[in-house]
Amino acid sequence: MSLSCMHLTREMLNAPHELSLDRVDLTLESARAAADEAARAYDEDPMLISWYEAESGRHSPRVECCREDKPGWLAYAESRGGDLVFSINHLSYVFVYAPSGRLMRAAGGQA
């Protein structure tokens, strides 16, 4: 099994914020809009690092990592400062953000 295709569990996420949204017409785009809005309540300019859609198994970025305990897209986000996590409807969608400036520091730049 590809590590980026590993089945996600809640225990893999670092302190996720759970959002419950009406399932009628819920799409990746509407889920992301809700997560973006919620993330702005914690940081004025959060950067989306990765996302996951359970029903289709789609995720971004499409990376594979050498971690055996988490999917590649999640390990990628965490290694780049992604510590603001939103789970929508119990892992139906997951969005991982880095707070302002965190990504630059994680990459060795200046904040």
N, C-alpha and C. Protein backbone atom coordinates (compact mmCIF):
# COMPACT_ATOMS: atom_id res chain seq x y z
N MET A 1 0.85 -1.19 0.00
CA MET A 1 0.00 0.00 0.00
C MET A 1 0.88 1.24 0.00
N SER A 2 0.59 2.17 -0.87
CA SER A 2 1.30 3.44 -0.91
C SER A 2 1.05 4.20 0.38
N LEU A 3 2.08 4.82 0.93
CA LEU A 3 1.92 5.56 2.18
C LEU A 3 0.96 6.73 2.03
N SER A 4 0.92 7.33 0.82
CA SER A 4 0.01 8.45 0.63
C SER A 4 -1.44 7.97 0.57
N CYS A 5 -1.64 6.66 0.42
CA CYS A 5 -2.99 6.10 0.38
C CYS A 5 -3.38 5.46 1.71
N MET A 6 -2.54 5.59 2.71
CA MET A 6 -2.82 5.01 4.03
C MET A 6 -4.15 5.55 4.56
N HIS A 7 -4.91 4.68 5.18
CA HIS A 7 -6.20 5.07 5.74
C HIS A 7 -6.00 6.04 6.91
N LEU A 8 -6.66 7.18 6.85
CA LEU A 8 -6.55 8.21 7.88
C LEU A 8 -7.40 7.85 9.09
N THR A 9 -6.84 8.04 10.28
CA THR A 9 -7.60 7.91 11.52
C THR A 9 -7.46 9.22 12.29
N ARG A 10 -8.40 9.48 13.17
CA ARG A 10 -8.40 10.71 13.97
C ARG A 10 -7.14 10.81 14.83
N GLU A 11 -6.63 9.68 15.28
CA GLU A 11 -5.44 9.67 16.13
C GLU A 11 -4.20 10.19 15.41
N MET A 12 -4.20 10.17 14.10
CA MET A 12 -3.06 10.67 13.32
C MET A 12 -3.00 12.20 13.31
N LEU A 13 -4.13 12.84 13.58
CA LEU A 13 -4.22 14.30 13.50
C LEU A 13 -3.82 14.95 14.82
N ASN A 14 -3.14 16.08 14.70
CA ASN A 14 -2.69 16.84 15.87
C ASN A 14 -3.77 17.84 16.27
N ALA A 15 -4.51 17.53 17.33
CA ALA A 15 -5.53 18.42 17.90
C ALA A 15 -6.46 19.02 16.84
N PRO A 16 -7.18 18.18 16.09
CA PRO A 16 -8.05 18.72 15.06
C PRO A 16 -9.26 19.46 15.62
N HIS A 17 -9.66 20.49 14.91
CA HIS A 17 -10.90 21.22 15.22
C HIS A 17 -11.98 20.57 14.36
N GLU A 18 -13.06 20.12 14.98
CA GLU A 18 -14.13 19.45 14.24
C GLU A 18 -15.19 20.47 13.82
N LEU A 19 -15.53 20.46 12.54
CA LEU A 19 -16.60 21.29 12.01
C LEU A 19 -17.70 20.37 11.51
N SER A 20 -18.94 20.68 11.83
CA SER A 20 -20.08 19.90 11.33
C SER A 20 -20.84 20.76 10.34
N LEU A 21 -20.93 20.26 9.12
CA LEU A 21 -21.61 20.99 8.06
C LEU A 21 -22.76 20.16 7.52
N ASP A 22 -23.76 20.84 7.00
CA ASP A 22 -24.89 20.18 6.36
C ASP A 22 -24.37 19.36 5.18
N ARG A 23 -24.71 18.10 5.13
CA ARG A 23 -24.21 17.21 4.09
C ARG A 23 -24.84 17.46 2.72
N VAL A 24 -25.96 18.15 2.67
CA VAL A 24 -26.61 18.43 1.40
C VAL A 24 -25.71 19.35 0.57
N ASP A 25 -25.37 18.90 -0.60
CA ASP A 25 -24.53 19.66 -1.53
C ASP A 25 -23.15 20.00 -0.98
N LEU A 26 -22.65 19.25 -0.02
CA LEU A 26 -21.29 19.48 0.49
C LEU A 26 -20.28 18.97 -0.54
N THR A 27 -19.40 19.85 -0.94
CA THR A 27 -18.37 19.51 -1.92
C THR A 27 -17.01 19.86 -1.33
N LEU A 28 -15.96 19.46 -2.01
CA LEU A 28 -14.62 19.84 -1.59
C LEU A 28 -14.52 21.36 -1.50
N GLU A 29 -15.07 22.05 -2.47
CA GLU A 29 -14.99 23.51 -2.49
C GLU A 29 -15.73 24.16 -1.33
N SER A 30 -16.94 23.68 -1.03
CA SER A 30 -17.69 24.27 0.08
C SER A 30 -17.07 23.89 1.43
N ALA A 31 -16.53 22.68 1.51
CA ALA A 31 -15.84 22.27 2.74
C ALA A 31 -14.60 23.13 2.95
N ARG A 32 -13.86 23.38 1.86
CA ARG A 32 -12.66 24.22 1.98
C ARG A 32 -13.03 25.64 2.38
N ALA A 33 -14.10 26.17 1.82
CA ALA A 33 -14.51 27.54 2.18
C ALA A 33 -14.82 27.63 3.68
N ALA A 34 -15.48 26.62 4.21
CA ALA A 34 -15.79 26.61 5.65
C ALA A 34 -14.51 26.48 6.48
N ALA A 35 -13.59 25.63 6.04
CA ALA A 35 -12.32 25.47 6.77
C ALA A 35 -11.48 26.74 6.68
N ASP A 36 -11.46 27.38 5.51
CA ASP A 36 -10.73 28.65 5.36
C ASP A 36 -11.25 29.69 6.34
N GLU A 37 -12.56 29.80 6.43
CA GLU A 37 -13.17 30.77 7.34
C GLU A 37 -12.83 30.45 8.79
N ALA A 38 -12.92 29.18 9.16
CA ALA A 38 -12.59 28.77 10.53
C ALA A 38 -11.12 29.02 10.83
N ALA A 39 -10.24 28.78 9.88
CA ALA A 39 -8.80 28.98 10.08
C ALA A 39 -8.49 30.46 10.30
N ARG A 40 -9.22 31.34 9.62
CA ARG A 40 -9.00 32.78 9.81
C ARG A 40 -9.38 33.25 11.20
N ALA A 41 -10.17 32.48 11.92
CA ALA A 41 -10.49 32.82 13.31
C ALA A 41 -9.29 32.58 14.23
N TYR A 42 -8.33 31.77 13.78
CA TYR A 42 -7.13 31.47 14.55
C TYR A 42 -5.91 32.23 14.06
N ASP A 43 -5.93 32.65 12.82
CA ASP A 43 -4.79 33.34 12.22
C ASP A 43 -5.31 34.19 11.07
N GLU A 44 -4.84 35.43 10.96
CA GLU A 44 -5.42 36.32 9.94
C GLU A 44 -5.08 35.91 8.51
N ASP A 45 -4.00 35.18 8.30
CA ASP A 45 -3.63 34.79 6.93
C ASP A 45 -3.05 33.37 6.90
N PRO A 46 -3.86 32.36 7.25
CA PRO A 46 -3.34 30.99 7.27
C PRO A 46 -3.10 30.48 5.85
N MET A 47 -2.14 29.58 5.71
CA MET A 47 -1.84 29.01 4.40
C MET A 47 -2.26 27.54 4.39
N LEU A 48 -3.12 27.18 3.44
CA LEU A 48 -3.52 25.78 3.30
C LEU A 48 -2.32 25.00 2.76
N ILE A 49 -1.92 23.97 3.50
CA ILE A 49 -0.77 23.15 3.11
C ILE A 49 -1.21 21.85 2.46
N SER A 50 -2.26 21.23 3.01
CA SER A 50 -2.74 19.98 2.43
C SER A 50 -4.21 19.77 2.74
N TRP A 51 -4.83 18.88 1.97
CA TRP A 51 -6.23 18.53 2.19
C TRP A 51 -6.46 17.08 1.81
N TYR A 52 -7.59 16.55 2.31
CA TYR A 52 -7.95 15.16 2.07
C TYR A 52 -9.47 15.06 1.96
N GLU A 53 -9.93 14.25 1.01
CA GLU A 53 -11.35 13.99 0.82
C GLU A 53 -11.57 12.48 0.96
N ALA A 54 -12.26 12.07 2.01
CA ALA A 54 -12.38 10.65 2.33
C ALA A 54 -13.14 9.85 1.27
N GLU A 55 -14.25 10.37 0.79
CA GLU A 55 -15.09 9.59 -0.12
C GLU A 55 -14.33 9.15 -1.37
N SER A 56 -13.57 10.06 -1.96
CA SER A 56 -12.84 9.73 -3.19
C SER A 56 -11.42 9.26 -2.91
N GLY A 57 -10.91 9.57 -1.70
CA GLY A 57 -9.51 9.26 -1.40
C GLY A 57 -8.54 10.28 -1.98
N ARG A 58 -9.07 11.32 -2.61
CA ARG A 58 -8.18 12.35 -3.18
C ARG A 58 -7.52 13.13 -2.07
N HIS A 59 -6.32 13.62 -2.35
CA HIS A 59 -5.59 14.44 -1.39
C HIS A 59 -4.58 15.27 -2.15
N SER A 60 -4.13 16.31 -1.47
CA SER A 60 -3.11 17.17 -2.04
C SER A 60 -2.23 17.66 -0.91
N PRO A 61 -0.94 17.71 -1.13
CA PRO A 61 -0.24 17.35 -2.37
C PRO A 61 -0.15 15.84 -2.52
N ARG A 62 0.10 15.41 -3.73
CA ARG A 62 0.24 13.99 -4.02
C ARG A 62 1.70 13.61 -3.81
N VAL A 63 2.02 13.35 -2.56
CA VAL A 63 3.39 12.99 -2.19
C VAL A 63 3.39 11.67 -1.44
N GLU A 64 4.52 11.02 -1.48
CA GLU A 64 4.73 9.84 -0.66
C GLU A 64 5.90 10.16 0.26
N CYS A 65 5.78 9.77 1.48
CA CYS A 65 6.82 10.03 2.48
C CYS A 65 7.29 8.72 3.06
N CYS A 66 8.39 8.79 3.77
CA CYS A 66 8.91 7.57 4.38
C CYS A 66 8.38 7.34 5.78
N ARG A 67 7.34 8.00 6.17
CA ARG A 67 6.73 7.75 7.48
C ARG A 67 5.78 6.57 7.35
N GLU A 68 5.79 5.74 8.34
CA GLU A 68 4.90 4.58 8.32
C GLU A 68 3.66 4.78 9.16
N ASP A 69 3.59 5.92 9.88
CA ASP A 69 2.48 6.13 10.79
C ASP A 69 1.43 7.13 10.30
N LYS A 70 1.68 7.79 9.16
CA LYS A 70 0.75 8.80 8.65
C LYS A 70 0.80 8.81 7.13
N PRO A 71 -0.31 9.21 6.50
CA PRO A 71 -0.31 9.37 5.05
C PRO A 71 0.69 10.44 4.62
N GLY A 72 1.22 10.33 3.43
CA GLY A 72 2.21 11.27 2.93
C GLY A 72 1.76 12.72 2.94
N TRP A 73 0.51 12.98 2.53
CA TRP A 73 0.02 14.36 2.48
C TRP A 73 0.01 14.99 3.87
N LEU A 74 -0.27 14.18 4.92
CA LEU A 74 -0.31 14.70 6.29
C LEU A 74 1.10 14.92 6.83
N ALA A 75 1.99 13.98 6.58
CA ALA A 75 3.39 14.13 7.01
C ALA A 75 4.01 15.35 6.32
N TYR A 76 3.69 15.55 5.06
CA TYR A 76 4.19 16.71 4.30
C TYR A 76 3.74 18.00 4.99
N ALA A 77 2.46 18.10 5.31
CA ALA A 77 1.93 19.32 5.93
C ALA A 77 2.57 19.58 7.28
N GLU A 78 2.68 18.55 8.10
CA GLU A 78 3.26 18.72 9.43
C GLU A 78 4.72 19.12 9.36
N SER A 79 5.45 18.60 8.39
CA SER A 79 6.87 18.94 8.27
C SER A 79 7.08 20.36 7.77
N ARG A 80 6.02 21.00 7.32
CA ARG A 80 6.10 22.38 6.83
C ARG A 80 5.33 23.35 7.72
N GLY A 81 5.14 22.97 8.97
CA GLY A 81 4.51 23.88 9.93
C GLY A 81 3.00 23.80 9.99
N GLY A 82 2.41 22.84 9.31
CA GLY A 82 0.96 22.70 9.32
C GLY A 82 0.47 22.13 10.63
N ASP A 83 0.05 23.00 11.53
CA ASP A 83 -0.42 22.51 12.82
C ASP A 83 -1.82 23.02 13.17
N LEU A 84 -2.49 23.62 12.21
CA LEU A 84 -3.87 24.06 12.39
C LEU A 84 -4.73 23.14 11.51
N VAL A 85 -5.42 22.20 12.16
CA VAL A 85 -6.10 21.12 11.46
C VAL A 85 -7.61 21.20 11.65
N PHE A 86 -8.34 21.07 10.55
CA PHE A 86 -9.80 21.07 10.59
C PHE A 86 -10.32 19.79 9.96
N SER A 87 -11.13 19.07 10.72
CA SER A 87 -11.82 17.87 10.25
C SER A 87 -13.27 18.25 10.05
N ILE A 88 -13.79 17.98 8.88
CA ILE A 88 -15.18 18.31 8.60
C ILE A 88 -15.99 17.02 8.56
N ASN A 89 -17.07 17.01 9.33
CA ASN A 89 -17.97 15.86 9.41
C ASN A 89 -17.22 14.56 9.67
N HIS A 90 -16.43 14.57 10.74
CA HIS A 90 -15.74 13.36 11.21
C HIS A 90 -14.85 12.73 10.14
N LEU A 91 -13.91 13.52 9.64
CA LEU A 91 -12.88 13.10 8.67
C LEU A 91 -13.39 12.95 7.24
N SER A 92 -14.59 13.45 6.95
CA SER A 92 -15.02 13.43 5.55
C SER A 92 -14.11 14.29 4.70
N TYR A 93 -13.67 15.40 5.28
CA TYR A 93 -12.67 16.28 4.67
C TYR A 93 -11.73 16.70 5.78
N VAL A 94 -10.46 16.84 5.45
CA VAL A 94 -9.48 17.34 6.40
C VAL A 94 -8.64 18.40 5.69
N PHE A 95 -8.42 19.52 6.37
CA PHE A 95 -7.62 20.61 5.84
C PHE A 95 -6.56 20.97 6.87
N VAL A 96 -5.31 21.11 6.42
CA VAL A 96 -4.21 21.43 7.33
C VAL A 96 -3.59 22.75 6.88
N TYR A 97 -3.50 23.68 7.82
CA TYR A 97 -2.98 25.03 7.55
C TYR A 97 -1.72 25.30 8.37
N ALA A 98 -0.89 26.17 7.83
CA ALA A 98 0.23 26.73 8.58
C ALA A 98 -0.13 28.18 8.88
N PRO A 99 0.06 28.60 10.12
CA PRO A 99 -0.18 30.00 10.45
C PRO A 99 0.78 30.93 9.69
N SER A 100 0.42 32.18 9.60
CA SER A 100 1.25 33.18 8.89
C SER A 100 2.71 33.08 9.28
N GLY A 101 3.58 33.03 8.30
CA GLY A 101 5.01 33.04 8.55
C GLY A 101 5.61 31.71 8.91
N ARG A 102 4.82 30.75 9.37
CA ARG A 102 5.36 29.46 9.80
C ARG A 102 6.01 28.71 8.64
N LEU A 103 5.40 28.74 7.46
CA LEU A 103 5.94 28.00 6.33
C LEU A 103 7.31 28.52 5.95
N MET A 104 7.49 29.84 5.96
CA MET A 104 8.79 30.41 5.61
C MET A 104 9.84 30.00 6.62
N ARG A 105 9.54 30.01 7.90
CA ARG A 105 10.51 29.60 8.90
C ARG A 105 10.84 28.13 8.76
N ALA A 106 9.84 27.29 8.50
CA ALA A 106 10.06 25.86 8.35
C ALA A 106 10.96 25.58 7.14
N ALA A 107 10.86 26.41 6.12
CA ALA A 107 11.66 26.23 4.91
C ALA A 107 13.01 26.93 5.01
N GLY A 108 13.30 27.56 6.14
CA GLY A 108 14.58 28.21 6.33
C GLY A 108 14.62 29.67 5.93
N GLY A 109 13.46 30.25 5.60
CA GLY A 109 13.42 31.65 5.20
C GLY A 109 13.18 32.56 6.39
N GLN A 110 12.94 33.81 6.11
CA GLN A 110 12.67 34.80 7.15
C GLN A 110 11.17 35.02 7.24
N ALA A 111 10.66 35.20 8.42
CA ALA A 111 9.23 35.48 8.60
C ALA A 111 9.01 36.97 8.70
